[in-house]
C-alpha atoms as a PDB file:
ATOM      1  CA  UNK A   1      67.021 -98.519  11.916  1.00  0.00           C
ATOM      2  CA  UNK A   2      69.795 -96.114  12.792  1.00  0.00           C
ATOM      3  CA  UNK A   3      70.678 -93.057  10.761  1.00  0.00           C
ATOM      4  CA  UNK A   4      67.275 -93.173   9.113  1.00  0.00           C
ATOM      5  CA  UNK A   5      65.014 -91.410  11.586  1.00  0.00           C
ATOM      6  CA  UNK A   6      65.637 -88.526  13.951  1.00  0.00           C
ATOM      7  CA  UNK A   7      65.492 -89.342  17.656  1.00  0.00           C
ATOM      8  CA  UNK A   8      62.041 -90.120  18.978  1.00  0.00           C
ATOM      9  CA  UNK A   9      60.225 -86.973  19.998  1.00  0.00           C
ATOM     10  CA  UNK A  10      57.721 -87.292  22.809  1.00  0.00           C
ATOM     11  CA  UNK A  11      55.091 -84.597  22.701  1.00  0.00           C
ATOM     12  CA  UNK A  12      52.909 -83.647  25.600  1.00  0.00           C
ATOM     13  CA  UNK A  13      49.458 -82.170  25.169  1.00  0.00           C
ATOM     14  CA  UNK A  14      49.842 -78.665  23.842  1.00  0.00           C
ATOM     15  CA  UNK A  15      48.034 -76.319  21.555  1.00  0.00           C
ATOM     16  CA  UNK A  16      48.188 -77.563  17.976  1.00  0.00           C
ATOM     17  CA  UNK A  17      49.528 -75.222  15.332  1.00  0.00           C
ATOM     18  CA  UNK A  18      47.705 -76.777  12.369  1.00  0.00           C
ATOM     19  CA  UNK A  19      43.986 -77.446  12.002  1.00  0.00           C
ATOM     20  CA  UNK A  20      41.670 -78.783   9.295  1.00  0.00           C
ATOM     21  CA  UNK A  21      41.243 -75.257   7.921  1.00  0.00           C
ATOM     22  CA  UNK A  22      44.999 -75.063   7.234  1.00  0.00           C
ATOM     23  CA  UNK A  23      44.767 -77.760   4.540  1.00  0.00           C
ATOM     24  CA  UNK A  24      42.669 -76.388   1.638  1.00  0.00           C
ATOM     25  CA  UNK A  25      41.769 -78.490  -1.387  1.00  0.00           C
ATOM     26  CA  UNK A  26      44.653 -78.443  -3.853  1.00  0.00           C
ATOM     27  CA  UNK A  27      47.241 -77.701  -1.151  1.00  0.00           C
ATOM     28  CA  UNK A  28      50.541 -79.559  -1.662  1.00  0.00           C
ATOM     29  CA  UNK A  29      53.190 -80.220   0.974  1.00  0.00           C
ATOM     30  CA  UNK A  30      56.657 -81.522   0.085  1.00  0.00           C
ATOM     31  CA  UNK A  31      58.876 -83.021   2.769  1.00  0.00           C
ATOM     32  CA  UNK A  32      62.660 -83.380   2.865  1.00  0.00           C
ATOM     33  CA  UNK A  33      64.320 -86.602   1.858  1.00  0.00           C
ATOM     34  CA  UNK A  34      65.264 -89.377   4.240  1.00  0.00           C
ATOM     35  CA  UNK A  35      68.106 -91.793   3.561  1.00  0.00           C
ATOM     36  CA  UNK A  36      67.536 -95.543   3.652  1.00  0.00           C
ATOM     37  CA  UNK A  37      70.327 -97.507   5.308  1.00  0.00           C
ATOM     38  CA  UNK A  38      71.164-101.181   4.900  1.00  0.00           C
ATOM     39  CA  UNK A  39      71.052-101.592   8.675  1.00  0.00           C
ATOM     40  CA  UNK A  40      67.555-100.115   8.854  1.00  0.00           C
ATOM     41  CA  UNK A  41      66.282-102.343   6.027  1.00  0.00           C
ATOM     42  CA  UNK A  42      67.547-105.470   7.775  1.00  0.00           C
ATOM     43  CA  UNK A  43      66.418-104.371  11.255  1.00  0.00           C
ATOM     44  CA  UNK A  44      62.861-103.636  10.099  1.00  0.00           C
ATOM     45  CA  UNK A  45      62.640-106.834   8.067  1.00  0.00           C
ATOM     46  CA  UNK A  46      64.053-108.931  10.922  1.00  0.00           C
ATOM     47  CA  UNK A  47      61.235-107.809  13.147  1.00  0.00           C
ATOM     48  CA  UNK A  48      58.272-107.336  10.795  1.00  0.00           C
ATOM     49  CA  UNK A  49      58.810-108.852   7.309  1.00  0.00           C
ATOM     50  CA  UNK A  50      61.543-111.507   7.421  1.00  0.00           C
ATOM     51  CA  UNK A  51      61.479-112.499   3.767  1.00  0.00           C
ATOM     52  CA  UNK A  52      64.983-113.426   2.556  1.00  0.00           C
ATOM     53  CA  UNK A  53      65.298-110.609  -0.025  1.00  0.00           C
ATOM     54  CA  UNK A  54      64.820-108.066   2.803  1.00  0.00           C
ATOM     55  CA  UNK A  55      67.459-109.706   5.010  1.00  0.00           C
ATOM     56  CA  UNK A  56      70.297-110.981   2.856  1.00  0.00           C
ATOM     57  CA  UNK A  57      72.329-109.517  -0.014  1.00  0.00           C
ATOM     58  CA  UNK A  58      72.604-112.834  -1.886  1.00  0.00           C
ATOM     59  CA  UNK A  59      68.900-113.608  -1.551  1.00  0.00           C
ATOM     60  CA  UNK A  60      68.119-110.067  -2.676  1.00  0.00           C
ATOM     61  CA  UNK A  61      70.411-110.393  -5.699  1.00  0.00           C
ATOM     62  CA  UNK A  62      68.729-113.684  -6.668  1.00  0.00           C
ATOM     63  CA  UNK A  63      65.241-112.187  -6.341  1.00  0.00           C
ATOM     64  CA  UNK A  64      63.136-110.330  -8.880  1.00  0.00           C
ATOM     65  CA  UNK A  65      64.334-107.119  -7.172  1.00  0.00           C
ATOM     66  CA  UNK A  66      68.003-107.706  -8.028  1.00  0.00           C
ATOM     67  CA  UNK A  67      69.309-106.696  -4.612  1.00  0.00           C
ATOM     68  CA  UNK A  68      68.580-106.339  -0.938  1.00  0.00           C
ATOM     69  CA  UNK A  69      65.482-104.141  -0.704  1.00  0.00           C
ATOM     70  CA  UNK A  70      63.271-102.631   1.959  1.00  0.00           C
ATOM     71  CA  UNK A  71      59.938-104.144   2.857  1.00  0.00           C
ATOM     72  CA  UNK A  72      57.008-102.215   1.447  1.00  0.00           C
ATOM     73  CA  UNK A  73      55.767-101.957   5.031  1.00  0.00           C
ATOM     74  CA  UNK A  74      59.080-100.343   5.967  1.00  0.00           C
ATOM     75  CA  UNK A  75      58.492 -97.811   3.181  1.00  0.00           C
ATOM     76  CA  UNK A  76      55.015 -97.134   4.621  1.00  0.00           C
ATOM     77  CA  UNK A  77      56.492 -96.727   8.099  1.00  0.00           C
ATOM     78  CA  UNK A  78      59.037 -94.235   6.737  1.00  0.00           C
ATOM     79  CA  UNK A  79      56.201 -92.293   5.087  1.00  0.00           C
ATOM     80  CA  UNK A  80      54.357 -92.227   8.417  1.00  0.00           C
ATOM     81  CA  UNK A  81      57.424 -90.911  10.236  1.00  0.00           C
ATOM     82  CA  UNK A  82      57.918 -88.196   7.612  1.00  0.00           C
ATOM     83  CA  UNK A  83      54.245 -87.212   8.066  1.00  0.00           C
ATOM     84  CA  UNK A  84      54.633 -87.092  11.855  1.00  0.00           C
ATOM     85  CA  UNK A  85      57.755 -84.954  11.708  1.00  0.00           C
ATOM     86  CA  UNK A  86      56.418 -82.803   8.875  1.00  0.00           C
ATOM     87  CA  UNK A  87      52.985 -81.854  10.197  1.00  0.00           C
ATOM     88  CA  UNK A  88      51.071 -84.402  12.280  1.00  0.00           C
ATOM     89  CA  UNK A  89      52.823 -83.783  15.606  1.00  0.00           C
ATOM     90  CA  UNK A  90      52.120 -80.051  15.312  1.00  0.00           C
ATOM     91  CA  UNK A  91      48.505 -80.533  14.323  1.00  0.00           C
ATOM     92  CA  UNK A  92      45.086 -81.363  15.671  1.00  0.00           C
ATOM     93  CA  UNK A  93      45.299 -84.793  13.997  1.00  0.00           C
ATOM     94  CA  UNK A  94      42.692 -87.279  15.157  1.00  0.00           C
ATOM     95  CA  UNK A  95      44.015 -90.244  13.192  1.00  0.00           C
ATOM     96  CA  UNK A  96      42.688 -91.827  10.032  1.00  0.00           C
ATOM     97  CA  UNK A  97      39.861 -94.218   9.196  1.00  0.00           C
ATOM     98  CA  UNK A  98      42.114 -95.958   6.684  1.00  0.00           C
ATOM     99  CA  UNK A  99      44.238 -95.960   3.563  1.00  0.00           C
ATOM    100  CA  UNK A 100      43.088 -96.781   0.038  1.00  0.00           C
ATOM    101  CA  UNK A 101      44.922 -97.572  -3.166  1.00  0.00           C
ATOM    102  CA  UNK A 102      48.267 -98.381  -1.558  1.00  0.00           C
ATOM    103  CA  UNK A 103      50.801 -99.248  -4.253  1.00  0.00           C
ATOM    104  CA  UNK A 104      54.491-100.036  -4.193  1.00  0.00           C
ATOM    105  CA  UNK A 105      55.780 -99.034  -7.617  1.00  0.00           C
ATOM    106  CA  UNK A 106      59.510 -99.743  -7.344  1.00  0.00           C
ATOM    107  CA  UNK A 107      61.716-101.428  -4.782  1.00  0.00           C
ATOM    108  CA  UNK A 108      63.518 -99.271  -2.239  1.00  0.00           C
ATOM    109  CA  UNK A 109      67.202-100.072  -1.838  1.00  0.00           C
ATOM    110  CA  UNK A 110      69.788 -99.164   0.791  1.00  0.00           C
ATOM    111  CA  UNK A 111      71.334 -95.867  -0.262  1.00  0.00           C
ATOM    112  CA  UNK A 112      68.083 -94.492  -1.673  1.00  0.00           C
ATOM    113  CA  UNK A 113      66.772 -91.175  -0.394  1.00  0.00           C
ATOM    114  CA  UNK A 114      62.990 -90.929  -0.134  1.00  0.00           C
ATOM    115  CA  UNK A 115      60.895 -87.762  -0.273  1.00  0.00           C
ATOM    116  CA  UNK A 116      57.176 -87.478   0.405  1.00  0.00           C
ATOM    117  CA  UNK A 117      54.539 -85.265  -1.187  1.00  0.00           C
ATOM    118  CA  UNK A 118      51.023 -84.833   0.194  1.00  0.00           C
ATOM    119  CA  UNK A 119      48.175 -83.409  -1.900  1.00  0.00           C
ATOM    120  CA  UNK A 120      44.762 -82.472  -0.490  1.00  0.00           C
ATOM    121  CA  UNK A 121      42.046 -83.865  -2.779  1.00  0.00           C
ATOM    122  CA  UNK A 122      38.865 -83.229  -0.757  1.00  0.00           C
ATOM    123  CA  UNK A 123      37.874 -81.556   2.494  1.00  0.00           C
ATOM    124  CA  UNK A 124      34.612 -81.661   4.433  1.00  0.00           C
ATOM    125  CA  UNK A 125      33.333 -81.596   7.993  1.00  0.00           C
ATOM    126  CA  UNK A 126      32.617 -85.018   9.481  1.00  0.00           C
ATOM    127  CA  UNK A 127      28.846 -85.585   9.506  1.00  0.00           C
ATOM    128  CA  UNK A 128      28.715 -87.379  12.850  1.00  0.00           C
ATOM    129  CA  UNK A 129      31.307 -85.137  14.547  1.00  0.00           C
ATOM    130  CA  UNK A 130      31.204 -81.629  13.039  1.00  0.00           C
ATOM    131  CA  UNK A 131      34.094 -80.451  15.254  1.00  0.00           C
ATOM    132  CA  UNK A 132      36.265 -82.802  13.149  1.00  0.00           C
ATOM    133  CA  UNK A 133      37.208 -82.127   9.532  1.00  0.00           C
ATOM    134  CA  UNK A 134      38.013 -84.839   7.020  1.00  0.00           C
ATOM    135  CA  UNK A 135      40.739 -84.517   4.406  1.00  0.00           C
ATOM    136  CA  UNK A 136      41.148 -86.907   1.502  1.00  0.00           C
ATOM    137  CA  UNK A 137      44.845 -86.978   0.685  1.00  0.00           C
ATOM    138  CA  UNK A 138      47.192 -88.514  -1.844  1.00  0.00           C
ATOM    139  CA  UNK A 139      50.714 -89.277  -0.696  1.00  0.00           C
ATOM    140  CA  UNK A 140      53.499 -89.979  -3.175  1.00  0.00           C
ATOM    141  CA  UNK A 141      56.939 -91.123  -2.090  1.00  0.00           C
ATOM    142  CA  UNK A 142      59.765 -90.756  -4.629  1.00  0.00           C
ATOM    143  CA  UNK A 143      63.359 -91.855  -4.657  1.00  0.00           C
ATOM    144  CA  UNK A 144      66.356 -89.687  -5.535  1.00  0.00           C
ATOM    145  CA  UNK A 145      65.698 -90.352  -9.249  1.00  0.00           C
ATOM    146  CA  UNK A 146      62.193 -88.845  -8.928  1.00  0.00           C
ATOM    147  CA  UNK A 147      60.681 -92.293  -9.490  1.00  0.00           C
ATOM    148  CA  UNK A 148      57.534 -93.034  -7.478  1.00  0.00           C
ATOM    149  CA  UNK A 149      58.166 -95.893  -5.070  1.00  0.00           C
ATOM    150  CA  UNK A 150      54.893 -95.644  -3.116  1.00  0.00           C
ATOM    151  CA  UNK A 151      51.501 -94.018  -3.604  1.00  0.00           C
ATOM    152  CA  UNK A 152      48.478 -94.151  -1.350  1.00  0.00           C
ATOM    153  CA  UNK A 153      45.258 -92.273  -0.770  1.00  0.00           C
ATOM    154  CA  UNK A 154      43.143 -91.995   2.312  1.00  0.00           C
ATOM    155  CA  UNK A 155      41.189 -89.852   4.703  1.00  0.00           C
ATOM    156  CA  UNK A 156      42.740 -87.996   7.625  1.00  0.00           C
ATOM    157  CA  UNK A 157      40.811 -86.484  10.532  1.00  0.00           C
ATOM    158  CA  UNK A 158      41.758 -83.119  12.043  1.00  0.00           C
ATOM    159  CA  UNK A 159      40.212 -80.948  14.703  1.00  0.00           C
ATOM    160  CA  UNK A 160      38.589 -77.809  13.367  1.00  0.00           C
ATOM    161  CA  UNK A 161      39.697 -74.376  14.500  1.00  0.00           C
ATOM    162  CA  UNK A 162      36.460 -72.727  13.428  1.00  0.00           C
ATOM    163  CA  UNK A 163      33.478 -74.765  14.573  1.00  0.00           C
ATOM    164  CA  UNK A 164      30.056 -73.239  13.837  1.00  0.00           C
ATOM    165  CA  UNK A 165      28.208 -72.013  16.948  1.00  0.00           C
ATOM    166  CA  UNK A 166      25.337 -74.459  16.461  1.00  0.00           C
ATOM    167  CA  UNK A 167      27.651 -77.488  16.681  1.00  0.00           C
ATOM    168  CA  UNK A 168      27.587 -79.108  20.125  1.00  0.00           C
ATOM    169  CA  UNK A 169      30.912 -79.403  21.919  1.00  0.00           C
ATOM    170  CA  UNK A 170      32.410 -82.899  21.956  1.00  0.00           C
ATOM    171  CA  UNK A 171      31.575 -84.986  25.009  1.00  0.00           C
ATOM    172  CA  UNK A 172      34.482 -85.373  27.442  1.00  0.00           C
ATOM    173  CA  UNK A 173      36.190 -88.747  27.324  1.00  0.00           C
END
């Protein structure tokens, strides 16, 4: 998957820059495009989704897609990497309880450039852990023609900067 992702960045524990409060309802974040290479499409598919139209030009051309195309899971993985580089690694992210409404709208081909947009739909403190805030987000990935190739919604969990005084501190792990 060369030329598609920047080198792996290992982060040690440090003070996060972004917290739940930094993502108000209606907030939109747009992230720079990432190119999709033929080598990356084949490498990902070889390991995780070895269907012929993800591995071979002729099989791709004979498929409903009309050419070698990236696995939808590869597209999701690219979205995750863009999120990590764009905000998650500098945040108080605590993961996600899941993704809803995942859709692949168009195939992704080698040579495409994908951009990601995140919109905050809802925000609330977590009932069981008030030091954590929940964000309901919509992510839309578009190709260089502004066509949506992937959409998904889901909840993300972030540490809160401003925790009310009456909220007990989290138990040490």
